[in-house]
Amino acid sequence: MMTNPYQAYKQQSVMTMTPGQMLVAVFDELIKQLKMSQIAFEKNDIPEINRTLQKAQRIINELRGSLNFEYSIANDLNDIYNYFNRAIINANVKKDAADIGDILQMVTELRDAFAEADKISRRQG
């Protein structure tokens, strides 16, 4: 059976990622969904708003599920992820994008921090 070369490449690249790179990729997808929701809000595309925000929530829930509470930072990240989820739910229910920009900025800052931490850990390892 012939496989799609792009799909094979994508699968291979995911399988060779470090945990830090995988985390950054998850944050990249979260950022993408939040940006897509902003576009949907501008177009007043209710189904797309709902779809993108629900996908963002699922990503955040996956991030929460990956936390290791043996480390104290996990509690802080859990609180941040809970805040993101509450704000996203509120935006979706009220169809109000007011908080999405703020969340997007915070998610981007977290993503950049994790990317930098991954670079440092790979240099030291």
C-alpha atoms as a PDB file:
ATOM      1  CA  MET A   1       0.000   0.000   0.000  1.00  0.00           C
ATOM      2  CA  MET A   2       1.345   3.433  -0.963  1.00  0.00           C
ATOM      3  CA  THR A   3       1.615   5.952   1.868  1.00  0.00           C
ATOM      4  CA  ASN A   4       1.360   9.683   1.542  1.00  0.00           C
ATOM      5  CA  PRO A   5       4.956  11.020   1.689  1.00  0.00           C
ATOM      6  CA  TYR A   6       3.878  14.088   3.666  1.00  0.00           C
ATOM      7  CA  GLN A   7       2.061  11.952   6.237  1.00  0.00           C
ATOM      8  CA  ALA A   8       5.101   9.665   6.525  1.00  0.00           C
ATOM      9  CA  TYR A   9       7.374  12.684   7.038  1.00  0.00           C
ATOM     10  CA  LYS A  10       5.014  14.200   9.593  1.00  0.00           C
ATOM     11  CA  GLN A  11       4.781  10.947  11.535  1.00  0.00           C
ATOM     12  CA  GLN A  12       8.562  10.514  11.499  1.00  0.00           C
ATOM     13  CA  SER A  13       9.149  14.072  12.697  1.00  0.00           C
ATOM     14  CA  VAL A  14       6.726  13.617  15.597  1.00  0.00           C
ATOM     15  CA  MET A  15       8.334  10.315  16.559  1.00  0.00           C
ATOM     16  CA  THR A  16      11.788  11.905  16.752  1.00  0.00           C
ATOM     17  CA  MET A  17      10.782  14.964  18.795  1.00  0.00           C
ATOM     18  CA  THR A  18      12.125  15.508  22.280  1.00  0.00           C
ATOM     19  CA  PRO A  19       9.477  15.918  24.997  1.00  0.00           C
ATOM     20  CA  GLY A  20      10.231  19.656  24.973  1.00  0.00           C
ATOM     21  CA  GLN A  21       9.742  19.902  21.225  1.00  0.00           C
ATOM     22  CA  MET A  22       6.480  17.973  21.534  1.00  0.00           C
ATOM     23  CA  LEU A  23       5.271  20.396  24.220  1.00  0.00           C
ATOM     24  CA  VAL A  24       6.127  23.375  22.024  1.00  0.00           C
ATOM     25  CA  ALA A  25       4.249  21.757  19.116  1.00  0.00           C
ATOM     26  CA  VAL A  26       1.173  21.352  21.335  1.00  0.00           C
ATOM     27  CA  PHE A  27       1.396  25.029  22.307  1.00  0.00           C
ATOM     28  CA  ASP A  28       1.779  25.947  18.623  1.00  0.00           C
ATOM     29  CA  GLU A  29      -1.490  24.143  17.880  1.00  0.00           C
ATOM     30  CA  LEU A  30      -3.203  25.907  20.794  1.00  0.00           C
ATOM     31  CA  ILE A  31      -1.999  29.263  19.456  1.00  0.00           C
ATOM     32  CA  LYS A  32      -3.267  28.332  15.993  1.00  0.00           C
ATOM     33  CA  GLN A  33      -6.734  27.475  17.340  1.00  0.00           C
ATOM     34  CA  LEU A  34      -6.958  30.697  19.353  1.00  0.00           C
ATOM     35  CA  LYS A  35      -5.951  32.760  16.300  1.00  0.00           C
ATOM     36  CA  MET A  36      -8.505  30.915  14.183  1.00  0.00           C
ATOM     37  CA  SER A  37     -11.156  31.681  16.798  1.00  0.00           C
ATOM     38  CA  GLN A  38     -10.295  35.387  16.583  1.00  0.00           C
ATOM     39  CA  ILE A  39     -10.819  35.267  12.815  1.00  0.00           C
ATOM     40  CA  ALA A  40     -14.110  33.425  13.330  1.00  0.00           C
ATOM     41  CA  PHE A  41     -15.222  36.094  15.819  1.00  0.00           C
ATOM     42  CA  GLU A  42     -14.435  38.801  13.252  1.00  0.00           C
ATOM     43  CA  LYS A  43     -16.598  36.962  10.709  1.00  0.00           C
ATOM     44  CA  ASN A  44     -19.269  36.162  13.320  1.00  0.00           C
ATOM     45  CA  ASP A  45     -18.923  32.503  12.261  1.00  0.00           C
ATOM     46  CA  ILE A  46     -20.599  30.862  15.281  1.00  0.00           C
ATOM     47  CA  PRO A  47     -19.915  27.214  14.304  1.00  0.00           C
ATOM     48  CA  GLU A  48     -16.225  27.989  13.695  1.00  0.00           C
ATOM     49  CA  ILE A  49     -15.951  29.930  16.965  1.00  0.00           C
ATOM     50  CA  ASN A  50     -17.368  26.938  18.795  1.00  0.00           C
ATOM     51  CA  ARG A  51     -15.157  24.429  16.955  1.00  0.00           C
ATOM     52  CA  THR A  52     -11.890  26.305  17.478  1.00  0.00           C
ATOM     53  CA  LEU A  53     -12.554  27.162  21.108  1.00  0.00           C
ATOM     54  CA  GLN A  54     -13.581  23.601  21.938  1.00  0.00           C
ATOM     55  CA  LYS A  55     -10.405  22.333  20.281  1.00  0.00           C
ATOM     56  CA  ALA A  56      -8.391  24.854  22.320  1.00  0.00           C
ATOM     57  CA  GLN A  57     -10.077  23.535  25.476  1.00  0.00           C
ATOM     58  CA  ARG A  58      -9.199  19.937  24.571  1.00  0.00           C
ATOM     59  CA  ILE A  59      -5.570  20.955  24.063  1.00  0.00           C
ATOM     60  CA  ILE A  60      -5.483  22.727  27.420  1.00  0.00           C
ATOM     61  CA  ASN A  61      -7.021  19.683  29.086  1.00  0.00           C
ATOM     62  CA  GLU A  62      -4.283  17.521  27.538  1.00  0.00           C
ATOM     63  CA  LEU A  63      -1.670  19.928  28.885  1.00  0.00           C
ATOM     64  CA  ARG A  64      -3.265  19.723  32.333  1.00  0.00           C
ATOM     65  CA  GLY A  65      -3.304  15.941  32.112  1.00  0.00           C
ATOM     66  CA  SER A  66       0.415  15.865  31.404  1.00  0.00           C
ATOM     67  CA  LEU A  67       1.377  17.764  34.561  1.00  0.00           C
ATOM     68  CA  ASN A  68       3.585  15.974  37.074  1.00  0.00           C
ATOM     69  CA  PHE A  69       2.481  17.173  40.500  1.00  0.00           C
ATOM     70  CA  GLU A  70       5.699  15.929  42.089  1.00  0.00           C
ATOM     71  CA  TYR A  71       7.051  19.322  41.001  1.00  0.00           C
ATOM     72  CA  SER A  72       5.658  22.476  42.604  1.00  0.00           C
ATOM     73  CA  ILE A  73       5.419  24.331  39.283  1.00  0.00           C
ATOM     74  CA  ALA A  74       2.714  21.877  38.208  1.00  0.00           C
ATOM     75  CA  ASN A  75       0.288  23.504  40.655  1.00  0.00           C
ATOM     76  CA  ASP A  76       0.982  26.941  39.171  1.00  0.00           C
ATOM     77  CA  LEU A  77       0.580  25.649  35.622  1.00  0.00           C
ATOM     78  CA  ASN A  78      -2.642  23.881  36.607  1.00  0.00           C
ATOM     79  CA  ASP A  79      -4.019  27.190  37.906  1.00  0.00           C
ATOM     80  CA  ILE A  80      -2.999  28.942  34.683  1.00  0.00           C
ATOM     81  CA  TYR A  81      -4.586  26.220  32.538  1.00  0.00           C
ATOM     82  CA  ASN A  82      -7.772  26.441  34.629  1.00  0.00           C
ATOM     83  CA  TYR A  83      -7.852  30.199  34.027  1.00  0.00           C
ATOM     84  CA  PHE A  84      -7.416  29.659  30.279  1.00  0.00           C
ATOM     85  CA  ASN A  85     -10.257  27.134  30.232  1.00  0.00           C
ATOM     86  CA  ARG A  86     -12.618  29.378  32.191  1.00  0.00           C
ATOM     87  CA  ALA A  87     -11.888  32.323  29.898  1.00  0.00           C
ATOM     88  CA  ILE A  88     -12.352  30.207  26.770  1.00  0.00           C
ATOM     89  CA  ILE A  89     -15.637  28.776  28.046  1.00  0.00           C
ATOM     90  CA  ASN A  90     -16.801  32.303  28.871  1.00  0.00           C
ATOM     91  CA  ALA A  91     -15.819  33.558  25.403  1.00  0.00           C
ATOM     92  CA  ASN A  92     -17.641  30.665  23.756  1.00  0.00           C
ATOM     93  CA  VAL A  93     -20.812  30.929  25.827  1.00  0.00           C
ATOM     94  CA  LYS A  94     -21.075  34.713  25.570  1.00  0.00           C
ATOM     95  CA  LYS A  95     -19.665  34.816  22.013  1.00  0.00           C
ATOM     96  CA  ASP A  96     -17.326  37.560  23.212  1.00  0.00           C
ATOM     97  CA  ALA A  97     -13.702  37.555  22.062  1.00  0.00           C
ATOM     98  CA  ALA A  98     -12.556  40.143  24.593  1.00  0.00           C
ATOM     99  CA  ASP A  99     -10.335  37.752  26.589  1.00  0.00           C
ATOM    100  CA  ILE A 100      -8.989  35.725  23.674  1.00  0.00           C
ATOM    101  CA  GLY A 101      -6.240  38.242  22.854  1.00  0.00           C
ATOM    102  CA  ASP A 102      -4.995  38.235  26.457  1.00  0.00           C
ATOM    103  CA  ILE A 103      -5.041  34.448  26.618  1.00  0.00           C
ATOM    104  CA  LEU A 104      -3.240  34.252  23.282  1.00  0.00           C
ATOM    105  CA  GLN A 105      -0.487  36.519  24.581  1.00  0.00           C
ATOM    106  CA  MET A 106      -0.062  34.440  27.765  1.00  0.00           C
ATOM    107  CA  VAL A 107      -0.080  31.150  25.840  1.00  0.00           C
ATOM    108  CA  THR A 108       2.552  32.541  23.458  1.00  0.00           C
ATOM    109  CA  GLU A 109       4.735  33.615  26.386  1.00  0.00           C
ATOM    110  CA  LEU A 110       4.435  30.152  27.953  1.00  0.00           C
ATOM    111  CA  ARG A 111       5.263  28.516  24.635  1.00  0.00           C
ATOM    112  CA  ASP A 112       8.347  30.683  24.234  1.00  0.00           C
ATOM    113  CA  ALA A 113       9.473  29.905  27.797  1.00  0.00           C
ATOM    114  CA  PHE A 114       9.118  26.160  27.211  1.00  0.00           C
ATOM    115  CA  ALA A 115      10.959  26.449  23.876  1.00  0.00           C
ATOM    116  CA  GLU A 116      13.845  28.260  25.557  1.00  0.00           C
ATOM    117  CA  ALA A 117      13.940  25.729  28.412  1.00  0.00           C
ATOM    118  CA  ASP A 118      14.059  22.912  25.860  1.00  0.00           C
ATOM    119  CA  LYS A 119      16.973  24.567  24.013  1.00  0.00           C
ATOM    120  CA  ILE A 120      18.889  24.997  27.262  1.00  0.00           C
ATOM    121  CA  SER A 121      18.268  21.424  28.397  1.00  0.00           C
ATOM    122  CA  ARG A 122      19.378  20.019  25.026  1.00  0.00           C
ATOM    123  CA  ARG A 123      22.587  22.093  25.141  1.00  0.00           C
ATOM    124  CA  GLN A 124      23.351  20.829  28.644  1.00  0.00           C
ATOM    125  CA  GLY A 125      22.442  17.219  27.896  1.00  0.00           C
END
